[in-house]
Amino acid sequence: MSTMTAEVVKPRATKPPPRPASKIKASERTIEGWTEIFKLLADRSRLKILLALAQDGEMHVSALCDLLGQSQPAVSHHLTLLRMRNLVGFRRDGKHNFYRLNSNLVGDLLEQFFTDTGNGHKLLQFDDFSLAYRKK
């Protein structure tokens, strides 16, 4: 006895052709600026420093050392990197340095980003939320 098996062949579903990617509206200068900031903020200690300065305002290095549980040379290294990118500023009082958040760079990059991508608006619309920018 022989058994025959029939194979049912289903037609392949046709996928619509992919949409061509549109040109990225952000300028190379804006992309490079944000790339550098995100690299710096990818470090947990540097992110904590910026958040602490945003929350508490100007802080002495020793307060940041206590907050992070790190040595003064380690915290100073992070602050130097942030200062080189103009994310923090400082003032010297005798032998002591006090650091503060410098929002000019971030503000300028946000302004450029929304100018580049916001179609003349200061609003980006996502599926579940909107991101708005307003300069004081």
C-alpha atoms as a PDB file:
ATOM      1  CA  MET A   1       0.000   0.000   0.000  1.00  0.00           C
ATOM      2  CA  SER A   2       1.252   3.336  -0.899  1.00  0.00           C
ATOM      3  CA  THR A   3       0.217   6.550   0.731  1.00  0.00           C
ATOM      4  CA  MET A   4       0.191   9.768  -1.076  1.00  0.00           C
ATOM      5  CA  THR A   5       0.717  13.017   0.641  1.00  0.00           C
ATOM      6  CA  ALA A   6      -0.415  16.228  -0.810  1.00  0.00           C
ATOM      7  CA  GLU A   7       1.492  19.346  -0.111  1.00  0.00           C
ATOM      8  CA  VAL A   8      -0.500  22.520   0.060  1.00  0.00           C
ATOM      9  CA  VAL A   9       1.410  25.512  -1.181  1.00  0.00           C
ATOM     10  CA  LYS A  10       0.217  28.815   0.196  1.00  0.00           C
ATOM     11  CA  PRO A  11       0.778  31.883  -1.884  1.00  0.00           C
ATOM     12  CA  ARG A  12       3.385  34.166  -0.397  1.00  0.00           C
ATOM     13  CA  ALA A  13       2.121  37.319   1.147  1.00  0.00           C
ATOM     14  CA  THR A  14       3.420  40.319  -0.671  1.00  0.00           C
ATOM     15  CA  LYS A  15       4.899  43.037   1.427  1.00  0.00           C
ATOM     16  CA  PRO A  16       4.568  46.605   0.349  1.00  0.00           C
ATOM     17  CA  PRO A  17       7.892  48.038  -0.750  1.00  0.00           C
ATOM     18  CA  PRO A  18       9.697  49.882   2.027  1.00  0.00           C
ATOM     19  CA  ARG A  19       9.295  53.621   2.115  1.00  0.00           C
ATOM     20  CA  PRO A  20      12.456  55.455   1.220  1.00  0.00           C
ATOM     21  CA  ALA A  21      13.997  57.194   4.201  1.00  0.00           C
ATOM     22  CA  SER A  22      13.507  60.911   4.282  1.00  0.00           C
ATOM     23  CA  LYS A  23      16.486  63.198   4.740  1.00  0.00           C
ATOM     24  CA  ILE A  24      17.360  63.847   8.380  1.00  0.00           C
ATOM     25  CA  LYS A  25      16.397  67.418   9.138  1.00  0.00           C
ATOM     26  CA  ALA A  26      18.898  68.042  11.930  1.00  0.00           C
ATOM     27  CA  SER A  27      22.143  69.621  10.782  1.00  0.00           C
ATOM     28  CA  GLU A  28      25.461  67.807  11.159  1.00  0.00           C
ATOM     29  CA  ARG A  29      26.502  70.480  13.677  1.00  0.00           C
ATOM     30  CA  THR A  30      23.439  69.736  15.805  1.00  0.00           C
ATOM     31  CA  ILE A  31      23.945  65.972  15.578  1.00  0.00           C
ATOM     32  CA  GLU A  32      27.619  66.305  16.512  1.00  0.00           C
ATOM     33  CA  GLY A  33      26.783  68.548  19.479  1.00  0.00           C
ATOM     34  CA  TRP A  34      24.179  66.137  20.856  1.00  0.00           C
ATOM     35  CA  THR A  35      26.483  63.168  20.252  1.00  0.00           C
ATOM     36  CA  GLU A  36      29.163  64.761  22.427  1.00  0.00           C
ATOM     37  CA  ILE A  37      26.681  65.596  25.191  1.00  0.00           C
ATOM     38  CA  PHE A  38      25.165  62.107  25.172  1.00  0.00           C
ATOM     39  CA  LYS A  39      28.654  60.579  25.380  1.00  0.00           C
ATOM     40  CA  LEU A  40      29.341  62.642  28.491  1.00  0.00           C
ATOM     41  CA  LEU A  41      25.959  61.866  30.030  1.00  0.00           C
ATOM     42  CA  ALA A  42      26.371  58.141  29.372  1.00  0.00           C
ATOM     43  CA  ASP A  43      28.640  58.108  32.426  1.00  0.00           C
ATOM     44  CA  ARG A  44      26.641  57.636  35.635  1.00  0.00           C
ATOM     45  CA  SER A  45      28.857  59.941  37.726  1.00  0.00           C
ATOM     46  CA  ARG A  46      28.732  62.817  35.249  1.00  0.00           C
ATOM     47  CA  LEU A  47      24.980  62.484  34.921  1.00  0.00           C
ATOM     48  CA  LYS A  48      24.637  62.592  38.723  1.00  0.00           C
ATOM     49  CA  ILE A  49      26.834  65.704  38.849  1.00  0.00           C
ATOM     50  CA  LEU A  50      24.648  67.514  36.314  1.00  0.00           C
ATOM     51  CA  LEU A  51      21.449  66.440  38.062  1.00  0.00           C
ATOM     52  CA  ALA A  52      22.811  67.584  41.441  1.00  0.00           C
ATOM     53  CA  LEU A  53      23.838  70.967  40.022  1.00  0.00           C
ATOM     54  CA  ALA A  54      20.449  71.359  38.341  1.00  0.00           C
ATOM     55  CA  GLN A  55      18.694  70.496  41.599  1.00  0.00           C
ATOM     56  CA  ASP A  56      20.847  72.309  44.161  1.00  0.00           C
ATOM     57  CA  GLY A  57      22.551  75.031  42.149  1.00  0.00           C
ATOM     58  CA  GLU A  58      26.183  75.882  42.802  1.00  0.00           C
ATOM     59  CA  MET A  59      28.136  73.226  44.712  1.00  0.00           C
ATOM     60  CA  HIS A  60      31.627  72.836  46.146  1.00  0.00           C
ATOM     61  CA  VAL A  61      33.737  69.917  44.895  1.00  0.00           C
ATOM     62  CA  SER A  62      33.742  68.264  48.337  1.00  0.00           C
ATOM     63  CA  ALA A  63      29.925  68.176  48.360  1.00  0.00           C
ATOM     64  CA  LEU A  64      29.989  66.430  44.984  1.00  0.00           C
ATOM     65  CA  CYS A  65      32.619  63.979  46.297  1.00  0.00           C
ATOM     66  CA  ASP A  66      30.350  63.129  49.250  1.00  0.00           C
ATOM     67  CA  LEU A  67      27.332  62.755  46.979  1.00  0.00           C
ATOM     68  CA  LEU A  68      29.123  60.412  44.575  1.00  0.00           C
ATOM     69  CA  GLY A  69      31.238  58.606  47.157  1.00  0.00           C
ATOM     70  CA  GLN A  70      34.310  59.283  45.021  1.00  0.00           C
ATOM     71  CA  SER A  71      37.706  60.843  45.581  1.00  0.00           C
ATOM     72  CA  GLN A  72      38.403  64.477  44.802  1.00  0.00           C
ATOM     73  CA  PRO A  73      40.675  63.612  41.817  1.00  0.00           C
ATOM     74  CA  ALA A  74      37.946  61.391  40.303  1.00  0.00           C
ATOM     75  CA  VAL A  75      35.253  64.048  40.688  1.00  0.00           C
ATOM     76  CA  SER A  76      37.612  66.749  39.400  1.00  0.00           C
ATOM     77  CA  HIS A  77      38.251  64.617  36.307  1.00  0.00           C
ATOM     78  CA  HIS A  78      34.504  64.406  35.609  1.00  0.00           C
ATOM     79  CA  LEU A  79      34.105  68.135  36.211  1.00  0.00           C
ATOM     80  CA  THR A  80      36.982  68.917  33.844  1.00  0.00           C
ATOM     81  CA  LEU A  81      35.323  66.885  31.070  1.00  0.00           C
ATOM     82  CA  LEU A  82      32.002  68.641  31.675  1.00  0.00           C
ATOM     83  CA  ARG A  83      33.721  72.029  31.798  1.00  0.00           C
ATOM     84  CA  MET A  84      35.592  71.363  28.538  1.00  0.00           C
ATOM     85  CA  ARG A  85      32.214  70.814  26.855  1.00  0.00           C
ATOM     86  CA  ASN A  86      30.749  73.932  28.560  1.00  0.00           C
ATOM     87  CA  LEU A  87      28.139  71.952  30.481  1.00  0.00           C
ATOM     88  CA  VAL A  88      29.349  73.319  33.808  1.00  0.00           C
ATOM     89  CA  GLY A  89      30.952  76.549  34.848  1.00  0.00           C
ATOM     90  CA  PHE A  90      32.845  77.402  38.005  1.00  0.00           C
ATOM     91  CA  ARG A  91      33.991  80.231  40.166  1.00  0.00           C
ATOM     92  CA  ARG A  92      37.028  80.257  42.360  1.00  0.00           C
ATOM     93  CA  ASP A  93      36.812  81.525  45.940  1.00  0.00           C
ATOM     94  CA  GLY A  94      40.301  81.421  47.457  1.00  0.00           C
ATOM     95  CA  LYS A  95      41.448  77.802  47.183  1.00  0.00           C
ATOM     96  CA  HIS A  96      37.944  76.481  46.555  1.00  0.00           C
ATOM     97  CA  ASN A  97      36.090  75.885  43.291  1.00  0.00           C
ATOM     98  CA  PHE A  98      32.314  76.059  43.168  1.00  0.00           C
ATOM     99  CA  TYR A  99      30.580  74.482  40.173  1.00  0.00           C
ATOM    100  CA  ARG A 100      27.264  75.365  38.546  1.00  0.00           C
ATOM    101  CA  LEU A 101      25.263  74.082  35.637  1.00  0.00           C
ATOM    102  CA  ASN A 102      25.878  76.022  32.435  1.00  0.00           C
ATOM    103  CA  SER A 103      22.736  75.658  30.367  1.00  0.00           C
ATOM    104  CA  ASN A 104      23.837  77.895  27.476  1.00  0.00           C
ATOM    105  CA  LEU A 105      25.226  75.034  25.390  1.00  0.00           C
ATOM    106  CA  VAL A 106      22.212  72.796  25.971  1.00  0.00           C
ATOM    107  CA  GLY A 107      19.876  75.709  25.290  1.00  0.00           C
ATOM    108  CA  ASP A 108      21.660  76.537  22.042  1.00  0.00           C
ATOM    109  CA  LEU A 109      21.572  72.888  20.930  1.00  0.00           C
ATOM    110  CA  LEU A 110      17.869  72.601  21.781  1.00  0.00           C
ATOM    111  CA  GLU A 111      17.148  75.784  19.875  1.00  0.00           C
ATOM    112  CA  GLN A 112      19.043  74.497  16.835  1.00  0.00           C
ATOM    113  CA  PHE A 113      17.479  71.024  17.097  1.00  0.00           C
ATOM    114  CA  PHE A 114      13.925  72.385  17.173  1.00  0.00           C
ATOM    115  CA  THR A 115      14.726  74.869  14.429  1.00  0.00           C
ATOM    116  CA  ASP A 116      16.071  72.031  12.267  1.00  0.00           C
ATOM    117  CA  THR A 117      13.360  69.456  12.972  1.00  0.00           C
ATOM    118  CA  GLY A 118      10.317  71.275  14.276  1.00  0.00           C
ATOM    119  CA  ASN A 119       8.929  72.550  10.965  1.00  0.00           C
ATOM    120  CA  GLY A 120       8.969  76.073  12.353  1.00  0.00           C
ATOM    121  CA  HIS A 121       7.404  74.935  15.636  1.00  0.00           C
ATOM    122  CA  LYS A 122       8.990  74.206  18.974  1.00  0.00           C
ATOM    123  CA  LEU A 123       7.118  70.911  19.233  1.00  0.00           C
ATOM    124  CA  LEU A 124       7.923  67.358  18.196  1.00  0.00           C
ATOM    125  CA  GLN A 125       5.022  64.937  18.130  1.00  0.00           C
ATOM    126  CA  PHE A 126       5.550  61.251  18.936  1.00  0.00           C
ATOM    127  CA  ASP A 127       2.918  58.503  19.110  1.00  0.00           C
ATOM    128  CA  ASP A 128       2.354  58.717  22.863  1.00  0.00           C
ATOM    129  CA  PHE A 129       3.736  62.129  23.803  1.00  0.00           C
ATOM    130  CA  SER A 130       4.869  65.527  22.596  1.00  0.00           C
ATOM    131  CA  LEU A 131       8.179  67.215  23.299  1.00  0.00           C
ATOM    132  CA  ALA A 132       8.058  70.997  23.487  1.00  0.00           C
ATOM    133  CA  TYR A 133      10.770  73.607  23.868  1.00  0.00           C
ATOM    134  CA  ARG A 134      10.336  77.129  25.150  1.00  0.00           C
ATOM    135  CA  LYS A 135      13.161  79.567  25.771  1.00  0.00           C
ATOM    136  CA  LYS A 136      12.739  81.836  28.793  1.00  0.00           C
END
